[in-house]
Amino acid sequence: MFTTNFVRQVLEPIAVGQLSWVGAPIDFFVKIVAAHPAPLNAGFVLNQLALGVGFLFPCLVRPAIVGSVAWSAVLWLFSEGFGCLAGWQTSMVTGAPALYSLYAVLALAVWPAPCRRNPSGPPKDRVAGWLPAAWVTLWVGGCRGDSGDLHNSAAAALGHCGNAPFVVLVTVMALVGLAGLTGWR
């Protein structure tokens, strides 16, 4: 990642096929990183290390979460093109909504509770109450039918099986999503 190969092989393809308002900032970012790949990537690494270290110290967890969400937003645009959500051919099969958006959701889901002055017992594990709804939205939303090269390739490979593989996939995705409402850990 410290050479222009990173730019040509990873970043440049992200802008291809994007709407102009997504592709233009990515192209700008690509030009900046291509001009200085080693120092910028060193900065990216140090930033991520600092965020990771922040999670090790209770007094820095909240700033680390805020930083993680901001960093995830930057990476979601510049290295994932918003998971291609602004394009026509996007689905969970092709990588939408993309990992960096999910990192931000998970970071916010573990936002620490306020410190208790007189705890009446051991602290309880706490996860945001809205996380099951986000889980359901992700998985059930991924059940929608899309078109695209990957889908067409899968259809060609599994075409002789009829609709059964796709019905099974959609059913599994819906069940995984709905399982988030059951309260299972």
C-alpha atoms as a PDB file:
ATOM      1  CA  MET A   1       0.000   0.000   0.000  1.00  0.00           C
ATOM      2  CA  PHE A   2       3.023   2.271   0.048  1.00  0.00           C
ATOM      3  CA  THR A   3       3.392   2.458  -3.742  1.00  0.00           C
ATOM      4  CA  THR A   4       1.299   3.733  -6.620  1.00  0.00           C
ATOM      5  CA  ASN A   5       0.168   0.131  -7.214  1.00  0.00           C
ATOM      6  CA  PHE A   6      -2.218   0.677  -4.309  1.00  0.00           C
ATOM      7  CA  VAL A   7      -3.679   3.664  -6.140  1.00  0.00           C
ATOM      8  CA  ARG A   8      -3.957   1.912  -9.514  1.00  0.00           C
ATOM      9  CA  GLN A   9      -5.217  -1.442  -8.267  1.00  0.00           C
ATOM     10  CA  VAL A  10      -7.401  -0.469  -5.308  1.00  0.00           C
ATOM     11  CA  LEU A  11      -8.447   3.186  -5.369  1.00  0.00           C
ATOM     12  CA  GLU A  12      -8.816   4.032  -9.074  1.00  0.00           C
ATOM     13  CA  PRO A  13     -11.308   1.223  -9.806  1.00  0.00           C
ATOM     14  CA  ILE A  14     -13.595   2.527  -7.050  1.00  0.00           C
ATOM     15  CA  ALA A  15     -14.484   5.611  -9.114  1.00  0.00           C
ATOM     16  CA  VAL A  16     -15.346   3.636 -12.258  1.00  0.00           C
ATOM     17  CA  GLY A  17     -19.071   3.609 -12.918  1.00  0.00           C
ATOM     18  CA  GLN A  18     -19.912   5.887 -10.002  1.00  0.00           C
ATOM     19  CA  LEU A  19     -22.219   8.848 -10.271  1.00  0.00           C
ATOM     20  CA  SER A  20     -20.205  12.038 -10.754  1.00  0.00           C
ATOM     21  CA  TRP A  21     -20.821  13.354  -7.235  1.00  0.00           C
ATOM     22  CA  VAL A  22     -19.273  10.150  -5.854  1.00  0.00           C
ATOM     23  CA  GLY A  23     -16.588   9.596  -8.500  1.00  0.00           C
ATOM     24  CA  ALA A  24     -15.216  13.160  -8.517  1.00  0.00           C
ATOM     25  CA  PRO A  25     -14.079  13.188  -4.852  1.00  0.00           C
ATOM     26  CA  ILE A  26     -12.600   9.706  -5.286  1.00  0.00           C
ATOM     27  CA  ASP A  27     -10.660  10.867  -8.371  1.00  0.00           C
ATOM     28  CA  PHE A  28      -9.373  13.866  -6.399  1.00  0.00           C
ATOM     29  CA  PHE A  29      -8.296  11.596  -3.530  1.00  0.00           C
ATOM     30  CA  VAL A  30      -6.606   9.209  -5.987  1.00  0.00           C
ATOM     31  CA  LYS A  31      -4.507  12.054  -7.402  1.00  0.00           C
ATOM     32  CA  ILE A  32      -3.390  13.160  -3.947  1.00  0.00           C
ATOM     33  CA  VAL A  33      -2.460   9.636  -2.825  1.00  0.00           C
ATOM     34  CA  ALA A  34      -0.735   8.871  -6.141  1.00  0.00           C
ATOM     35  CA  ALA A  35       1.518  11.901  -5.647  1.00  0.00           C
ATOM     36  CA  HIS A  36       2.576  10.837  -2.119  1.00  0.00           C
ATOM     37  CA  PRO A  37       1.642   7.184  -1.498  1.00  0.00           C
ATOM     38  CA  ALA A  38       4.224   6.281   1.157  1.00  0.00           C
ATOM     39  CA  PRO A  39       3.787   9.205   3.572  1.00  0.00           C
ATOM     40  CA  LEU A  40       0.002   9.248   3.220  1.00  0.00           C
ATOM     41  CA  ASN A  41      -0.292   5.512   3.810  1.00  0.00           C
ATOM     42  CA  ALA A  42       2.021   5.840   6.810  1.00  0.00           C
ATOM     43  CA  GLY A  43      -0.386   8.492   8.114  1.00  0.00           C
ATOM     44  CA  PHE A  44      -3.353   6.182   7.491  1.00  0.00           C
ATOM     45  CA  VAL A  45      -1.626   3.400   9.436  1.00  0.00           C
ATOM     46  CA  LEU A  46      -0.747   5.692  12.341  1.00  0.00           C
ATOM     47  CA  ASN A  47      -4.311   7.006  12.450  1.00  0.00           C
ATOM     48  CA  GLN A  48      -5.714   3.485  12.653  1.00  0.00           C
ATOM     49  CA  LEU A  49      -3.191   2.491  15.312  1.00  0.00           C
ATOM     50  CA  ALA A  50      -4.107   5.563  17.371  1.00  0.00           C
ATOM     51  CA  LEU A  51      -7.800   4.663  17.141  1.00  0.00           C
ATOM     52  CA  GLY A  52      -7.053   1.096  18.207  1.00  0.00           C
ATOM     53  CA  VAL A  53      -4.968   2.251  21.174  1.00  0.00           C
ATOM     54  CA  GLY A  54      -7.794   4.607  22.153  1.00  0.00           C
ATOM     55  CA  PHE A  55     -10.042   1.612  22.766  1.00  0.00           C
ATOM     56  CA  LEU A  56      -7.572   0.246  25.320  1.00  0.00           C
ATOM     57  CA  PHE A  57      -8.010   3.159  27.739  1.00  0.00           C
ATOM     58  CA  PRO A  58     -11.439   3.838  29.274  1.00  0.00           C
ATOM     59  CA  CYS A  59     -10.985   7.608  29.187  1.00  0.00           C
ATOM     60  CA  LEU A  60     -10.280   7.468  25.442  1.00  0.00           C
ATOM     61  CA  VAL A  61     -13.022   5.051  24.334  1.00  0.00           C
ATOM     62  CA  ARG A  62     -15.571   7.728  23.438  1.00  0.00           C
ATOM     63  CA  PRO A  63     -13.096   9.834  21.426  1.00  0.00           C
ATOM     64  CA  ALA A  64     -11.905   6.611  19.762  1.00  0.00           C
ATOM     65  CA  ILE A  65     -15.482   5.773  18.786  1.00  0.00           C
ATOM     66  CA  VAL A  66     -16.060   9.259  17.377  1.00  0.00           C
ATOM     67  CA  GLY A  67     -12.760   9.030  15.504  1.00  0.00           C
ATOM     68  CA  SER A  68     -13.643   5.561  14.231  1.00  0.00           C
ATOM     69  CA  VAL A  69     -16.976   6.756  12.896  1.00  0.00           C
ATOM     70  CA  ALA A  70     -15.328   9.730  11.166  1.00  0.00           C
ATOM     71  CA  TRP A  71     -12.537   7.542   9.750  1.00  0.00           C
ATOM     72  CA  SER A  72     -15.120   4.980   8.599  1.00  0.00           C
ATOM     73  CA  ALA A  73     -17.033   7.715   6.764  1.00  0.00           C
ATOM     74  CA  VAL A  74     -13.872   8.883   4.999  1.00  0.00           C
ATOM     75  CA  LEU A  75     -12.933   5.352   3.996  1.00  0.00           C
ATOM     76  CA  TRP A  76     -16.509   4.497   3.026  1.00  0.00           C
ATOM     77  CA  LEU A  77     -16.396   7.250   0.409  1.00  0.00           C
ATOM     78  CA  PHE A  78     -12.792   7.180  -0.758  1.00  0.00           C
ATOM     79  CA  SER A  79     -12.053   3.465  -0.697  1.00  0.00           C
ATOM     80  CA  GLU A  80     -15.514   1.980  -1.166  1.00  0.00           C
ATOM     81  CA  GLY A  81     -17.459   4.652  -3.059  1.00  0.00           C
ATOM     82  CA  PHE A  82     -20.283   4.474  -0.497  1.00  0.00           C
ATOM     83  CA  GLY A  83     -20.450   0.730  -1.184  1.00  0.00           C
ATOM     84  CA  CYS A  84     -21.780   1.596  -4.655  1.00  0.00           C
ATOM     85  CA  LEU A  85     -25.117   2.442  -3.029  1.00  0.00           C
ATOM     86  CA  ALA A  86     -25.452   5.469  -5.313  1.00  0.00           C
ATOM     87  CA  GLY A  87     -25.096   3.262  -8.392  1.00  0.00           C
ATOM     88  CA  TRP A  88     -27.552   1.065 -10.196  1.00  0.00           C
ATOM     89  CA  GLN A  89     -26.072  -2.345  -9.546  1.00  0.00           C
ATOM     90  CA  THR A  90     -25.566  -2.754  -5.861  1.00  0.00           C
ATOM     91  CA  SER A  91     -26.406  -5.540  -3.480  1.00  0.00           C
ATOM     92  CA  MET A  92     -24.966  -7.425  -0.547  1.00  0.00           C
ATOM     93  CA  VAL A  93     -23.640  -9.965  -3.038  1.00  0.00           C
ATOM     94  CA  THR A  94     -21.489  -7.270  -4.660  1.00  0.00           C
ATOM     95  CA  GLY A  95     -20.386  -5.735  -1.368  1.00  0.00           C
ATOM     96  CA  ALA A  96     -22.985  -3.122  -0.428  1.00  0.00           C
ATOM     97  CA  PRO A  97     -23.289  -1.407   1.955  1.00  0.00           C
ATOM     98  CA  ALA A  98     -19.553  -2.143   2.419  1.00  0.00           C
ATOM     99  CA  LEU A  99     -17.487  -2.840   5.493  1.00  0.00           C
ATOM    100  CA  TYR A 100     -16.596   0.676   6.566  1.00  0.00           C
ATOM    101  CA  SER A 101     -20.237   1.659   6.978  1.00  0.00           C
ATOM    102  CA  LEU A 102     -20.738  -1.410   9.162  1.00  0.00           C
ATOM    103  CA  TYR A 103     -17.649  -0.522  11.229  1.00  0.00           C
ATOM    104  CA  ALA A 104     -19.270   2.818  12.024  1.00  0.00           C
ATOM    105  CA  VAL A 105     -22.555   1.155  13.015  1.00  0.00           C
ATOM    106  CA  LEU A 106     -20.752  -1.291  15.297  1.00  0.00           C
ATOM    107  CA  ALA A 107     -18.653   1.470  16.850  1.00  0.00           C
ATOM    108  CA  LEU A 108     -21.782   3.458  17.694  1.00  0.00           C
ATOM    109  CA  ALA A 109     -23.522   0.334  18.987  1.00  0.00           C
ATOM    110  CA  VAL A 110     -20.967  -0.087  21.767  1.00  0.00           C
ATOM    111  CA  TRP A 111     -21.001   3.526  22.955  1.00  0.00           C
ATOM    112  CA  PRO A 112     -20.265   3.215  26.683  1.00  0.00           C
ATOM    113  CA  ALA A 113     -22.928   3.923  29.251  1.00  0.00           C
ATOM    114  CA  PRO A 114     -22.299   6.791  31.651  1.00  0.00           C
ATOM    115  CA  CYS A 115     -20.154   5.838  34.626  1.00  0.00           C
ATOM    116  CA  ARG A 116     -22.150   4.873  37.703  1.00  0.00           C
ATOM    117  CA  ARG A 117     -21.260   6.478  41.036  1.00  0.00           C
ATOM    118  CA  ASN A 118     -22.461   3.624  43.216  1.00  0.00           C
ATOM    119  CA  PRO A 119     -22.630   0.485  41.140  1.00  0.00           C
ATOM    120  CA  SER A 120     -24.896  -2.130  42.684  1.00  0.00           C
ATOM    121  CA  GLY A 121     -23.113  -4.982  40.983  1.00  0.00           C
ATOM    122  CA  PRO A 122     -20.909  -5.807  38.064  1.00  0.00           C
ATOM    123  CA  PRO A 123     -21.464  -3.715  34.947  1.00  0.00           C
ATOM    124  CA  LYS A 124     -23.773  -5.355  32.457  1.00  0.00           C
ATOM    125  CA  ASP A 125     -22.848  -5.812  28.842  1.00  0.00           C
ATOM    126  CA  ARG A 126     -24.581  -3.066  26.952  1.00  0.00           C
ATOM    127  CA  VAL A 127     -25.295  -2.836  23.284  1.00  0.00           C
ATOM    128  CA  ALA A 128     -27.429  -0.136  21.720  1.00  0.00           C
ATOM    129  CA  GLY A 129     -31.126  -0.929  21.646  1.00  0.00           C
ATOM    130  CA  TRP A 130     -31.346   0.091  17.996  1.00  0.00           C
ATOM    131  CA  LEU A 131     -28.758  -2.491  16.868  1.00  0.00           C
ATOM    132  CA  PRO A 132     -31.320  -5.286  16.247  1.00  0.00           C
ATOM    133  CA  ALA A 133     -33.267  -2.930  13.947  1.00  0.00           C
ATOM    134  CA  ALA A 134     -30.052  -2.107  12.070  1.00  0.00           C
ATOM    135  CA  TRP A 135     -29.303  -5.841  11.795  1.00  0.00           C
ATOM    136  CA  VAL A 136     -32.774  -6.545  10.379  1.00  0.00           C
ATOM    137  CA  THR A 137     -32.482  -3.630   7.951  1.00  0.00           C
ATOM    138  CA  LEU A 138     -29.142  -4.905   6.672  1.00  0.00           C
ATOM    139  CA  TRP A 139     -30.144  -8.525   6.152  1.00  0.00           C
ATOM    140  CA  VAL A 140     -33.765  -8.170   5.120  1.00  0.00           C
ATOM    141  CA  GLY A 141     -32.809  -5.214   2.898  1.00  0.00           C
ATOM    142  CA  GLY A 142     -30.230  -7.469   1.255  1.00  0.00           C
ATOM    143  CA  CYS A 143     -33.004  -9.823   0.141  1.00  0.00           C
ATOM    144  CA  ARG A 144     -34.167  -7.496  -2.594  1.00  0.00           C
ATOM    145  CA  GLY A 145     -33.595  -8.629  -6.140  1.00  0.00           C
ATOM    146  CA  ASP A 146     -30.892  -6.841  -8.104  1.00  0.00           C
ATOM    147  CA  SER A 147     -29.287  -7.189 -11.458  1.00  0.00           C
ATOM    148  CA  GLY A 148     -25.608  -7.056 -12.195  1.00  0.00           C
ATOM    149  CA  ASP A 149     -22.717  -9.021 -13.609  1.00  0.00           C
ATOM    150  CA  LEU A 150     -22.239 -11.123 -10.485  1.00  0.00           C
ATOM    151  CA  HIS A 151     -25.919 -11.939 -10.327  1.00  0.00           C
ATOM    152  CA  ASN A 152     -25.982 -12.805 -14.015  1.00  0.00           C
ATOM    153  CA  SER A 153     -22.948 -15.067 -13.580  1.00  0.00           C
ATOM    154  CA  ALA A 154     -24.587 -16.805 -10.638  1.00  0.00           C
ATOM    155  CA  ALA A 155     -27.788 -17.207 -12.642  1.00  0.00           C
ATOM    156  CA  ALA A 156     -25.850 -18.768 -15.505  1.00  0.00           C
ATOM    157  CA  ALA A 157     -24.000 -21.155 -13.176  1.00  0.00           C
ATOM    158  CA  LEU A 158     -27.115 -22.156 -11.257  1.00  0.00           C
ATOM    159  CA  GLY A 159     -29.673 -21.729 -14.030  1.00  0.00           C
ATOM    160  CA  HIS A 160     -30.234 -25.457 -14.373  1.00  0.00           C
ATOM    161  CA  CYS A 161     -31.413 -25.545 -10.729  1.00  0.00           C
ATOM    162  CA  GLY A 162     -34.325 -23.215 -11.350  1.00  0.00           C
ATOM    163  CA  ASN A 163     -35.158 -20.627  -8.719  1.00  0.00           C
ATOM    164  CA  ALA A 164     -34.415 -22.905  -5.767  1.00  0.00           C
ATOM    165  CA  PRO A 165     -30.873 -21.595  -4.954  1.00  0.00           C
ATOM    166  CA  PHE A 166     -32.070 -18.011  -4.976  1.00  0.00           C
ATOM    167  CA  VAL A 167     -35.163 -18.785  -2.902  1.00  0.00           C
ATOM    168  CA  VAL A 168     -32.909 -20.533  -0.364  1.00  0.00           C
ATOM    169  CA  LEU A 169     -30.458 -17.579  -0.293  1.00  0.00           C
ATOM    170  CA  VAL A 170     -33.201 -15.000   0.173  1.00  0.00           C
ATOM    171  CA  THR A 171     -34.856 -17.136   2.859  1.00  0.00           C
ATOM    172  CA  VAL A 172     -31.572 -17.538   4.757  1.00  0.00           C
ATOM    173  CA  MET A 173     -30.876 -13.802   4.543  1.00  0.00           C
ATOM    174  CA  ALA A 174     -34.375 -13.001   5.822  1.00  0.00           C
ATOM    175  CA  LEU A 175     -34.041 -15.498   8.690  1.00  0.00           C
ATOM    176  CA  VAL A 176     -30.630 -14.125   9.688  1.00  0.00           C
ATOM    177  CA  GLY A 177     -32.091 -10.628   9.675  1.00  0.00           C
ATOM    178  CA  LEU A 178     -35.185 -11.536  11.643  1.00  0.00           C
ATOM    179  CA  ALA A 179     -33.089 -13.476  14.157  1.00  0.00           C
ATOM    180  CA  GLY A 180     -31.812 -10.081  15.292  1.00  0.00           C
ATOM    181  CA  LEU A 181     -35.229  -9.418  16.783  1.00  0.00           C
ATOM    182  CA  THR A 182     -35.243 -12.547  18.932  1.00  0.00           C
ATOM    183  CA  GLY A 183     -32.792 -11.237  21.488  1.00  0.00           C
ATOM    184  CA  TRP A 184     -30.308 -14.044  20.876  1.00  0.00           C
ATOM    185  CA  ARG A 185     -26.711 -13.129  21.509  1.00  0.00           C
END
